[in-house]
N, C-alpha and C. Protein backbone atom coordinates (compact mmCIF):
# COMPACT_ATOMS: atom_id res chain seq x y z
N MET A 1 197.44 56.10 108.25
CA MET A 1 198.78 56.66 109.36
C MET A 1 199.67 56.62 108.42
N LEU A 2 200.39 55.10 108.12
CA LEU A 2 201.35 55.19 107.41
C LEU A 2 201.91 55.49 106.09
N ALA A 3 200.95 55.24 105.49
CA ALA A 3 200.69 55.96 103.59
C ALA A 3 200.91 57.56 103.93
N SER A 4 200.66 58.34 104.95
CA SER A 4 200.37 59.53 105.06
C SER A 4 202.65 60.06 105.69
N LEU A 5 202.60 58.76 106.64
CA LEU A 5 204.05 59.25 106.84
C LEU A 5 204.92 59.05 106.02
N SER A 6 204.58 57.99 105.06
CA SER A 6 205.52 58.12 104.10
C SER A 6 205.88 59.19 103.04
N SER A 7 204.70 59.21 102.42
CA SER A 7 204.33 60.84 101.97
C SER A 7 205.10 61.85 102.66
N LEU A 8 205.58 61.82 103.58
CA LEU A 8 205.82 62.97 104.24
C LEU A 8 207.36 62.76 104.05
N LEU A 9 207.74 61.70 104.20
CA LEU A 9 209.08 61.34 104.22
C LEU A 9 209.61 61.43 102.92
N GLY A 10 208.38 60.95 102.44
CA GLY A 10 208.80 60.88 100.65
C GLY A 10 209.17 62.76 100.12
N SER A 11 208.35 63.59 100.58
CA SER A 11 208.59 65.19 100.38
C SER A 11 209.35 65.22 101.03
N SER A 12 209.96 65.29 102.42
CA SER A 12 210.90 65.47 102.93
C SER A 12 212.46 65.49 102.18
N THR A 13 212.32 63.91 101.66
CA THR A 13 213.74 63.08 100.82
C THR A 13 213.74 64.59 99.90
N GLY A 14 213.02 64.60 99.75
CA GLY A 14 212.74 65.15 97.96
C GLY A 14 213.29 66.34 97.97
N ALA A 15 212.56 67.08 99.49
CA ALA A 15 213.34 68.54 99.19
C ALA A 15 214.76 68.78 99.97
N LEU A 16 215.05 67.66 100.83
CA LEU A 16 216.47 67.78 101.04
C LEU A 16 217.25 67.02 100.27
N GLY A 17 216.63 66.41 99.32
CA GLY A 17 217.63 66.32 98.52
C GLY A 17 218.25 64.63 98.63
N ALA A 18 219.63 64.47 97.81
CA ALA A 18 220.15 63.44 97.84
C ALA A 18 220.90 63.48 99.30
N PRO A 19 222.05 64.44 99.37
CA PRO A 19 222.77 64.86 100.50
C PRO A 19 221.96 64.68 101.89
N GLY A 20 220.80 65.04 101.81
CA GLY A 20 219.61 65.22 103.30
C GLY A 20 219.41 64.08 103.27
N ALA A 21 219.11 62.63 102.15
CA ALA A 21 218.81 61.92 102.59
C ALA A 21 219.71 60.92 103.25
N HIS A 22 220.92 61.15 102.55
CA HIS A 22 222.52 59.99 103.05
C HIS A 22 222.42 60.65 104.97
N VAL A 23 222.06 61.76 104.74
CA VAL A 23 222.67 62.02 106.56
C VAL A 23 221.27 61.92 107.20
N ILE A 24 220.28 61.72 107.06
CA ILE A 24 219.26 60.91 107.80
C ILE A 24 219.51 59.46 107.90
N ALA A 25 219.85 59.00 106.57
CA ALA A 25 220.02 57.54 107.08
C ALA A 25 220.96 57.77 107.86
N SER A 26 222.02 58.22 107.68
CA SER A 26 223.08 58.01 107.97
C SER A 26 222.74 57.86 109.74
N LYS A 27 222.09 58.97 110.25
CA LYS A 27 222.09 59.27 111.76
C LYS A 27 220.36 58.58 112.51
N GLY A 28 220.22 58.25 111.49
CA GLY A 28 218.78 57.32 112.16
C GLY A 28 217.66 57.86 111.49
N SER A 29 216.77 57.44 112.11
CA SER A 29 215.21 57.66 111.82
C SER A 29 214.59 58.75 112.20
N PHE A 30 214.31 60.00 111.09
CA PHE A 30 213.48 61.10 111.49
C PHE A 30 213.37 61.46 112.48
N LEU A 31 212.38 59.95 113.10
CA LEU A 31 210.89 60.44 114.26
C LEU A 31 212.03 60.44 115.71
N ILE A 32 213.30 59.91 115.42
CA ILE A 32 214.22 60.26 116.74
C ILE A 32 214.59 61.89 116.51
N ASN A 33 215.17 61.71 115.51
CA ASN A 33 215.44 63.34 115.24
C ASN A 33 215.07 63.59 114.17
N PRO A 34 214.14 64.74 114.78
CA PRO A 34 213.31 65.45 113.61
C PRO A 34 214.09 66.70 113.00
N GLY A 35 213.35 67.20 111.94
CA GLY A 35 213.44 68.40 111.02
C GLY A 35 213.38 69.22 112.32
N VAL A 36 213.94 70.74 112.25
CA VAL A 36 213.37 72.04 112.31
C VAL A 36 211.71 71.98 111.54
N GLY A 37 212.33 72.30 110.66
CA GLY A 37 211.01 72.30 109.81
C GLY A 37 209.37 71.88 110.25
N LEU A 38 209.61 70.62 110.52
CA LEU A 38 208.54 69.53 111.62
C LEU A 38 208.06 70.09 112.75
N MET A 39 209.62 70.90 113.43
CA MET A 39 209.28 70.75 114.40
C MET A 39 208.32 72.12 115.42
N ILE A 40 208.62 73.30 113.92
CA ILE A 40 207.82 74.35 113.62
C ILE A 40 206.31 73.98 113.45
N TRP A 41 206.62 73.79 112.47
CA TRP A 41 204.77 72.70 111.91
C TRP A 41 204.03 72.22 113.18
N THR A 42 205.16 71.42 114.16
CA THR A 42 204.09 70.71 115.08
C THR A 42 203.96 72.06 116.18
N LEU A 43 204.44 73.30 116.58
CA LEU A 43 204.19 73.84 117.79
C LEU A 43 203.20 74.78 116.81
N LEU A 44 202.81 75.02 115.37
CA LEU A 44 201.92 75.69 115.43
C LEU A 44 200.20 75.02 115.42
N VAL A 45 200.23 73.51 115.21
CA VAL A 45 199.36 73.05 115.08
C VAL A 45 199.13 72.85 116.55
N PHE A 46 200.00 72.31 117.24
CA PHE A 46 199.43 72.71 118.79
C PHE A 46 199.04 73.90 119.65
N GLY A 47 200.03 74.83 119.43
CA GLY A 47 199.27 76.22 119.54
C GLY A 47 197.88 76.81 119.35
N ALA A 48 197.20 76.12 117.61
CA ALA A 48 195.96 76.20 117.31
C ALA A 48 195.71 74.98 118.08
N THR A 49 195.39 74.62 117.98
CA THR A 49 194.74 73.79 119.21
C THR A 49 194.63 74.43 120.02
N MET A 50 195.72 74.24 120.56
CA MET A 50 195.32 74.91 122.29
C MET A 50 194.38 76.17 122.14
N LEU A 51 195.01 77.28 121.04
CA LEU A 51 194.00 78.67 120.71
C LEU A 51 192.44 78.01 120.56
N LEU A 52 192.29 77.04 119.73
CA LEU A 52 191.00 76.92 119.43
C LEU A 52 190.17 75.76 120.95
N LEU A 53 190.89 75.28 121.60
CA LEU A 53 190.30 74.45 122.53
C LEU A 53 190.35 75.57 123.74
N LYS A 54 190.98 76.21 123.67
CA LYS A 54 190.91 77.55 124.99
C LYS A 54 189.99 78.84 124.64
N ARG A 55 189.20 78.79 123.53
CA ARG A 55 188.35 79.82 123.21
C ARG A 55 186.92 79.12 123.24
N LEU A 56 186.87 77.74 122.22
CA LEU A 56 185.15 76.55 122.28
C LEU A 56 185.73 75.88 123.30
N ALA A 57 186.08 74.92 123.53
CA ALA A 57 186.10 73.84 124.65
C ALA A 57 186.44 74.37 125.93
N PHE A 58 187.34 74.97 126.61
CA PHE A 58 187.78 74.62 127.83
C PHE A 58 186.53 75.78 128.81
N PRO A 59 186.08 76.53 127.75
CA PRO A 59 184.83 77.64 128.55
C PRO A 59 184.07 76.33 128.73
N ALA A 60 183.35 76.05 127.74
CA ALA A 60 181.90 74.88 128.06
C ALA A 60 182.42 73.87 128.76
N ILE A 61 184.12 73.06 129.05
CA ILE A 61 184.17 72.47 130.44
C ILE A 61 184.07 72.86 131.40
N SER A 62 185.11 74.00 131.66
CA SER A 62 184.69 74.83 132.94
C SER A 62 183.38 75.06 133.33
N ALA A 63 182.75 75.50 132.35
CA ALA A 63 181.32 75.45 132.87
C ALA A 63 180.41 74.28 133.33
N ALA A 64 180.54 73.65 132.08
CA ALA A 64 180.24 72.29 132.90
C ALA A 64 180.74 72.04 135.11
N LEU A 65 181.94 71.70 134.44
CA LEU A 65 182.76 71.28 135.83
C LEU A 65 181.88 72.32 137.07
N ASP A 66 182.09 73.30 137.06
CA ASP A 66 181.52 74.66 137.92
C ASP A 66 179.96 74.76 138.04
N ARG A 67 179.29 73.89 136.95
CA ARG A 67 178.07 73.37 137.49
C ARG A 67 177.45 72.63 137.86
N ARG A 68 178.81 71.44 137.97
CA ARG A 68 178.77 69.99 138.97
C ARG A 68 179.27 70.14 140.15
N GLN A 69 179.78 71.06 140.31
CA GLN A 69 180.41 71.50 141.65
C GLN A 69 179.29 72.14 142.81
N LYS A 70 178.75 73.40 141.40
CA LYS A 70 177.28 73.80 142.53
C LYS A 70 176.58 72.71 142.82
N ALA A 71 175.94 71.93 141.93
CA ALA A 71 175.39 70.49 141.81
C ALA A 71 175.83 69.53 143.28
N ILE A 72 177.27 69.68 143.47
CA ILE A 72 177.74 68.67 144.43
C ILE A 72 177.51 69.55 145.46
N GLU A 73 177.98 70.87 145.79
CA GLU A 73 177.77 71.58 147.12
C GLU A 73 176.23 71.67 147.31
N GLU A 74 175.40 71.99 146.44
CA GLU A 74 173.46 72.27 146.91
C GLU A 74 173.45 71.05 147.71
N SER A 75 173.90 69.73 146.92
CA SER A 75 173.58 68.17 147.27
C SER A 75 174.14 68.44 148.93
N ILE A 76 175.37 68.29 148.91
CA ILE A 76 175.88 68.40 150.60
C ILE A 76 175.20 69.51 151.61
N ASP A 77 175.18 70.07 150.91
CA ASP A 77 174.12 71.45 151.64
C ASP A 77 172.54 70.75 152.24
N THR A 78 171.86 70.48 151.26
CA THR A 78 170.87 69.72 151.33
C THR A 78 170.74 68.55 152.36
N ALA A 79 172.16 67.92 152.47
CA ALA A 79 171.94 66.78 152.60
C ALA A 79 172.58 67.14 154.40
N GLU A 80 173.26 68.29 154.75
CA GLU A 80 173.75 68.87 155.60
C GLU A 80 172.28 69.04 157.03
N ARG A 81 171.23 69.82 155.97
CA ARG A 81 170.44 70.62 156.34
C ARG A 81 169.29 69.16 156.67
N THR A 82 169.30 68.15 155.59
CA THR A 82 167.69 67.33 156.25
C THR A 82 168.81 66.68 157.31
N ARG A 83 170.45 66.16 157.56
CA ARG A 83 170.87 65.73 159.11
C ARG A 83 170.76 66.22 160.27
N ALA A 84 170.40 68.14 160.23
CA ALA A 84 170.81 68.59 160.91
C ALA A 84 168.80 68.81 161.08
N GLU A 85 167.64 68.53 160.57
CA GLU A 85 166.33 68.52 160.67
C GLU A 85 165.93 67.57 161.53
N ALA A 86 167.12 65.70 160.86
CA ALA A 86 166.66 65.17 161.40
C ALA A 86 167.31 64.59 162.64
N ASP A 87 168.32 65.06 162.74
CA ASP A 87 169.28 65.19 164.51
C ASP A 87 167.79 65.95 165.61
N GLN A 88 167.40 67.48 164.97
CA GLN A 88 166.38 67.86 165.69
C GLN A 88 164.86 67.11 165.90
N ILE A 89 164.86 66.03 164.35
CA ILE A 89 163.63 65.28 164.80
C ILE A 89 163.39 64.42 166.08
N LEU A 90 164.84 63.52 165.61
CA LEU A 90 165.15 62.56 167.09
C LEU A 90 165.43 63.07 167.85
N ASP A 91 165.95 64.17 168.38
CA ASP A 91 165.98 64.73 169.63
C ASP A 91 164.41 65.16 170.31
N GLU A 92 163.49 65.86 169.14
CA GLU A 92 162.64 65.69 169.59
C GLU A 92 161.59 64.65 169.90
N TYR A 93 162.02 63.95 169.47
CA TYR A 93 161.44 62.57 169.60
C TYR A 93 161.18 62.13 170.85
N ARG A 94 162.47 62.02 171.19
CA ARG A 94 163.40 61.47 172.26
C ARG A 94 162.72 61.99 173.67
N GLU A 95 162.51 63.43 173.47
CA GLU A 95 162.46 64.52 174.57
C GLU A 95 160.67 63.72 174.85
N ARG A 96 160.11 64.19 173.72
CA ARG A 96 159.07 63.31 173.95
C ARG A 96 158.27 62.27 174.42
N LEU A 97 159.48 60.99 174.44
CA LEU A 97 159.34 59.84 174.56
C LEU A 97 159.30 60.41 175.88
N LYS A 98 160.35 60.77 176.21
CA LYS A 98 160.66 60.60 178.45
C LYS A 98 159.63 61.30 178.67
N GLU A 99 159.09 61.82 178.14
CA GLU A 99 157.75 62.61 178.90
C GLU A 99 156.50 61.82 178.73
N ALA A 100 156.36 61.30 177.59
CA ALA A 100 155.39 60.23 177.99
C ALA A 100 155.61 59.05 178.70
N ARG A 101 157.00 58.62 179.06
CA ARG A 101 157.49 57.76 179.93
C ARG A 101 157.26 58.20 181.43
N ALA A 102 157.11 59.17 181.74
CA ALA A 102 157.29 59.98 182.31
C ALA A 102 155.81 60.32 182.87
N GLN A 103 154.88 60.43 182.38
CA GLN A 103 153.71 60.57 182.07
C GLN A 103 153.22 59.20 182.50
N ALA A 104 153.60 58.55 181.91
CA ALA A 104 152.73 57.07 182.00
C ALA A 104 153.12 56.25 183.50
N GLU A 105 154.81 56.92 183.39
CA GLU A 105 154.53 56.45 185.11
C GLU A 105 154.03 57.33 186.38
N GLU A 106 154.13 58.25 185.93
CA GLU A 106 152.73 59.01 186.82
C GLU A 106 151.70 58.54 187.13
N ILE A 107 150.96 57.99 185.71
CA ILE A 107 149.87 57.71 185.52
C ILE A 107 149.40 56.29 186.37
N VAL A 108 150.41 55.46 186.49
CA VAL A 108 150.49 54.30 186.96
C VAL A 108 150.52 54.67 188.32
N GLN A 109 151.15 55.78 188.87
CA GLN A 109 151.09 55.61 190.34
C GLN A 109 150.35 56.37 191.15
N ARG A 110 149.74 57.27 189.83
CA ARG A 110 148.22 57.60 190.60
C ARG A 110 147.58 56.44 190.70
N ALA A 111 147.26 55.74 189.62
CA ALA A 111 146.05 54.52 189.70
C ALA A 111 146.60 53.43 190.72
N ARG A 112 147.93 53.48 190.92
CA ARG A 112 148.35 52.28 192.18
C ARG A 112 147.55 53.41 193.34
N GLN A 113 147.90 54.64 193.72
CA GLN A 113 147.67 54.96 194.84
C GLN A 113 145.95 55.09 195.19
N ALA A 114 145.33 55.54 193.95
CA ALA A 114 144.20 55.49 193.92
C ALA A 114 143.26 53.86 194.49
N ALA A 115 144.81 53.17 193.30
CA ALA A 115 143.48 51.52 194.58
C ALA A 115 144.08 51.29 195.64
N GLU A 116 145.16 51.89 196.06
CA GLU A 116 145.37 51.59 197.21
C GLU A 116 144.05 52.05 198.55
N THR A 117 144.32 53.52 198.35
CA THR A 117 142.58 54.45 199.04
C THR A 117 141.21 53.83 198.92
N HIS A 118 141.36 53.57 197.58
CA HIS A 118 139.78 53.23 197.63
C HIS A 118 139.69 51.64 197.99
N GLU A 119 140.86 50.46 198.61
CA GLU A 119 140.72 49.50 198.83
C GLU A 119 141.04 49.75 200.18
N ARG A 120 141.88 50.74 200.59
CA ARG A 120 141.90 51.07 201.91
C ARG A 120 140.31 51.25 202.95
N ASP A 121 139.49 52.70 201.92
CA ASP A 121 138.44 52.90 201.83
C ASP A 121 137.11 51.57 202.03
N ALA A 122 137.54 50.81 201.28
CA ALA A 122 137.04 49.79 201.80
C ALA A 122 136.94 48.72 202.65
N LYS A 123 137.95 48.63 202.95
CA LYS A 123 137.96 47.85 204.21
C LYS A 123 137.33 48.30 205.77
N GLU A 124 137.73 49.84 205.95
CA GLU A 124 137.22 50.79 206.38
C GLU A 124 135.57 50.74 206.38
N ARG A 125 135.24 51.04 205.42
CA ARG A 125 133.93 51.15 204.88
C ARG A 125 133.07 49.54 205.73
N GLY A 126 134.05 48.62 204.98
CA GLY A 126 133.48 46.59 204.97
C GLY A 126 133.68 46.86 206.83
N GLN A 127 134.47 47.53 207.62
CA GLN A 127 134.54 47.50 209.35
C GLN A 127 133.58 48.08 209.68
N GLU A 128 133.01 48.97 209.37
CA GLU A 128 132.46 50.02 210.15
C GLU A 128 130.92 49.43 209.54
N LEU A 129 130.44 48.63 208.47
CA LEU A 129 129.59 47.98 208.35
C LEU A 129 128.88 46.71 209.23
N VAL A 130 130.18 46.24 209.28
CA VAL A 130 129.94 44.82 210.40
C VAL A 130 129.71 45.27 211.58
N ALA A 131 130.68 46.67 211.55
CA ALA A 131 130.40 46.81 213.33
C ALA A 131 129.08 47.37 213.47
N GLU A 132 128.29 47.88 212.33
CA GLU A 132 126.89 48.57 212.67
C GLU A 132 126.15 47.48 212.38
N ALA A 133 126.39 45.96 211.94
CA ALA A 133 125.57 45.27 211.88
C ALA A 133 125.68 44.75 213.18
N SER A 134 126.93 44.25 213.94
CA SER A 134 126.95 43.56 215.44
C SER A 134 125.96 43.79 216.06
N LYS A 135 126.24 45.99 216.34
CA LYS A 135 125.95 46.35 216.75
C LYS A 135 124.28 46.64 217.12
N ARG A 136 123.57 46.42 215.46
CA ARG A 136 121.98 46.28 215.59
C ARG A 136 121.80 44.67 215.86
N ALA A 137 122.54 44.04 215.51
CA ALA A 137 122.18 42.25 215.85
C ALA A 137 122.14 42.80 217.66
N GLN A 138 123.15 42.98 217.92
CA GLN A 138 123.57 42.97 219.83
C GLN A 138 121.77 43.91 220.16
N ARG A 139 121.99 44.68 219.37
CA ARG A 139 120.69 45.86 220.12
C ARG A 139 119.17 44.64 219.97
N GLU A 140 119.17 44.05 218.71
CA GLU A 140 118.34 43.28 218.53
C GLU A 140 117.70 42.07 219.26
N ILE A 141 119.08 41.42 220.01
CA ILE A 141 119.11 40.19 221.08
C ILE A 141 119.13 40.79 221.86
N GLU A 142 119.42 41.53 222.49
CA GLU A 142 118.70 42.43 223.65
C GLU A 142 117.34 42.40 223.77
N VAL A 143 116.81 43.59 222.44
CA VAL A 143 115.20 43.56 222.70
C VAL A 143 114.62 42.03 222.55
N ALA A 144 114.82 40.86 221.77
CA ALA A 144 114.17 39.78 222.57
C ALA A 144 114.93 39.06 223.34
N THR A 145 115.78 39.47 223.84
CA THR A 145 115.75 38.56 225.44
C THR A 145 114.80 39.16 225.94
N LYS A 146 114.70 40.82 226.14
CA LYS A 146 114.18 41.68 227.40
C LYS A 146 112.83 40.96 226.64
N ARG A 147 111.85 41.12 225.33
CA ARG A 147 111.07 40.60 225.23
C ARG A 147 110.78 38.98 225.67
N ALA A 148 111.44 38.59 225.01
CA ALA A 148 111.64 36.71 225.79
C ALA A 148 111.48 36.60 227.27
N LEU A 149 111.99 37.59 227.84
CA LEU A 149 112.42 37.12 229.19
C LEU A 149 110.73 38.16 230.27
N GLU A 150 110.18 39.02 229.55
CA GLU A 150 109.04 39.57 229.57
C GLU A 150 107.67 38.04 229.46
N ASP A 151 108.35 38.11 229.09
CA ASP A 151 106.87 36.75 227.95
C ASP A 151 107.03 35.40 229.33
N ILE A 152 108.55 35.34 229.54
CA ILE A 152 108.72 34.01 230.59
C ILE A 152 107.75 34.25 232.13
N ARG A 153 108.51 36.05 232.34
CA ARG A 153 107.81 36.33 233.93
C ARG A 153 106.32 36.31 233.75
N ASN A 154 105.67 36.71 232.47
CA ASN A 154 104.24 36.61 232.44
C ASN A 154 103.83 35.27 232.72
N GLU A 155 104.38 34.26 231.69
CA GLU A 155 103.72 33.08 231.48
C GLU A 155 104.22 32.36 233.25
N VAL A 156 105.15 32.70 233.88
CA VAL A 156 105.19 32.02 235.32
C VAL A 156 104.06 32.78 236.02
N ALA A 157 104.16 33.68 236.13
CA ALA A 157 102.67 34.40 237.16
C ALA A 157 101.73 34.19 236.56
N ASP A 158 101.55 33.82 235.38
CA ASP A 158 99.83 33.20 234.77
C ASP A 158 99.79 31.69 235.67
N LEU A 159 101.00 30.74 235.22
CA LEU A 159 100.83 29.34 235.85
C LEU A 159 101.29 29.50 237.34
N THR A 160 101.74 30.22 237.45
CA THR A 160 101.71 30.27 239.94
C THR A 160 100.40 30.71 239.87
N ILE A 161 99.58 31.28 239.03
CA ILE A 161 98.14 31.80 239.87
C ILE A 161 97.59 30.87 239.84
N MET A 162 97.37 30.30 238.22
CA MET A 162 96.52 29.30 238.01
C MET A 162 97.14 27.92 239.23
N ALA A 163 98.06 27.45 239.19
CA ALA A 163 98.51 26.05 240.14
C ALA A 163 97.86 26.63 241.81
N THR A 164 97.90 27.83 242.29
CA THR A 164 97.85 28.30 243.36
C THR A 164 95.96 27.96 243.95
N GLU A 165 95.64 28.72 242.65
CA GLU A 165 93.81 28.06 242.84
C GLU A 165 93.37 27.46 242.60
N LYS A 166 94.33 26.41 241.94
CA LYS A 166 93.85 24.89 241.73
C LYS A 166 94.11 24.17 243.19
N VAL A 167 95.29 24.57 244.15
CA VAL A 167 95.76 24.19 244.53
C VAL A 167 94.90 24.38 246.27
N THR A 168 94.72 25.93 246.55
CA THR A 168 93.64 26.23 247.55
C THR A 168 92.42 26.04 246.60
N ARG A 169 91.87 26.13 246.15
CA ARG A 169 90.54 25.80 245.40
C ARG A 169 89.85 27.53 245.77
N LYS A 170 90.49 28.30 245.48
CA LYS A 170 89.70 29.71 245.62
C LYS A 170 90.37 30.57 244.75
N THR A 171 89.64 30.97 244.69
CA THR A 171 90.31 32.39 243.94
C THR A 171 90.71 33.82 244.89
N LEU A 172 91.97 33.60 244.27
CA LEU A 172 92.84 34.96 244.67
C LEU A 172 92.83 36.36 244.33
N ASP A 173 92.73 37.31 245.28
CA ASP A 173 92.56 38.45 244.81
C ASP A 173 93.81 39.03 243.92
N SER A 174 93.12 40.41 244.15
CA SER A 174 94.56 40.63 243.26
C SER A 174 95.56 41.20 243.95
N ALA A 175 95.62 41.36 245.29
CA ALA A 175 96.79 41.81 246.39
C ALA A 175 97.60 40.25 246.59
N ASP A 176 96.35 39.24 246.07
CA ASP A 176 97.12 38.07 246.57
C ASP A 176 97.90 37.33 245.95
N GLN A 177 97.55 37.83 244.17
CA GLN A 177 97.93 37.22 242.83
C GLN A 177 99.55 37.79 243.31
N LYS A 178 99.28 38.80 243.39
CA LYS A 178 100.76 39.86 243.43
C LYS A 178 101.86 39.76 244.64
N ARG A 179 101.82 39.52 245.36
CA ARG A 179 102.62 38.79 246.36
C ARG A 179 103.13 37.22 245.85
N LEU A 180 101.93 36.76 245.83
CA LEU A 180 102.15 35.11 244.90
C LEU A 180 103.43 35.33 244.00
N VAL A 181 102.72 36.15 242.65
CA VAL A 181 103.83 36.37 241.50
C VAL A 181 105.38 36.67 241.91
N GLU A 182 105.31 37.75 242.62
CA GLU A 182 106.67 38.23 242.93
C GLU A 182 107.77 37.39 243.57
N GLU A 183 106.84 36.41 245.03
CA GLU A 183 107.67 35.32 245.20
C GLU A 183 108.19 34.08 244.25
N ALA A 184 107.03 33.91 243.33
CA ALA A 184 107.16 32.63 242.66
C ALA A 184 108.99 33.29 241.93
N LEU A 185 108.48 34.71 241.71
CA LEU A 185 109.48 35.35 240.27
C LEU A 185 111.02 35.69 241.16
N ALA A 186 110.81 35.77 242.19
CA ALA A 186 112.34 36.03 242.79
C ALA A 186 112.56 35.08 243.29
N GLU A 187 111.92 33.30 243.23
CA GLU A 187 112.44 32.25 243.21
C GLU A 187 113.42 32.17 242.32
N LEU A 188 112.96 32.50 240.86
CA LEU A 188 113.66 31.96 239.67
C LEU A 188 114.59 33.26 239.87
N ASP A 189 115.94 32.54 238.27
CA ASP A 189 116.93 33.44 238.12
C ASP A 189 117.41 33.39 237.00
N PHE A 190 116.78 34.92 236.68
CA PHE A 190 116.57 35.89 235.36
C PHE A 190 117.32 35.87 234.73
N SER A 191 118.66 36.53 235.73
CA SER A 191 119.44 37.05 235.50
C SER A 191 120.43 35.94 234.71
N SER A 192 121.05 34.72 234.70
CA SER A 192 121.63 33.61 234.27
C SER A 192 120.62 33.39 232.61
N LEU A 193 119.44 33.72 232.35
CA LEU A 193 119.11 33.61 231.42
C LEU A 193 119.60 35.26 230.54
N SER A 194 119.42 35.92 230.92
CA SER A 194 119.79 37.15 229.81
C SER A 194 120.85 37.62 229.82
N SER A 195 122.18 36.81 230.43
CA SER A 195 123.37 36.79 230.52
C SER A 195 123.40 35.44 229.31
N GLY A 196 123.25 34.73 229.48
CA GLY A 196 123.51 33.51 228.39
C GLY A 196 122.60 34.08 226.99
N ALA A 197 121.17 34.52 226.75
CA ALA A 197 120.95 35.14 226.08
C ALA A 197 122.09 36.23 225.27
N ALA A 198 122.72 37.16 225.96
CA ALA A 198 123.64 37.88 225.60
C ALA A 198 125.14 37.43 225.20
N ASP A 199 124.83 36.45 225.79
CA ASP A 199 126.59 35.59 224.98
C ASP A 199 126.02 35.36 223.84
N ASN A 200 124.92 34.66 223.86
CA ASN A 200 124.78 34.29 222.32
C ASN A 200 124.52 35.00 221.37
């Protein structure tokens, strides 16, 4: 590049001649104070470069930037759609979770109520069974007591008749036996026996 500058400088000096070289040397470097010809050539090259860039490079760069902008806008739109869908899915999930919790609480409440009802029914049924068993036992006790009292009466009657026959050494007729049995039974207190059995 220095060589090309030197040759350009040499040709400029050659074209301007010795007096021009003297003027350039006296006024300083030509880079600080360029000549009109150099400025015109620079402007022409710059204009041609700009024209070439405008016709060839700028449309491709603009198209690439447009494509990039469209891709970014599409990415942003896709991201916004995805975010909206995610928000919608999250809202649906929260709603379903709330419904599931409500259903779970309802199921637990129903199970608790069913357990309480079952327990209450079981207690009532148990009390009914106990009451029925108690009544049945009471009836059985009463029947057994009556049977025992009847057996005792019969035994007392037989013993009374046997004892009387041994004492009197004669056989009693049915009227005497009946009267004797009634007198013996009247002397015994069977009410205390029946009440005691009923208390047990």
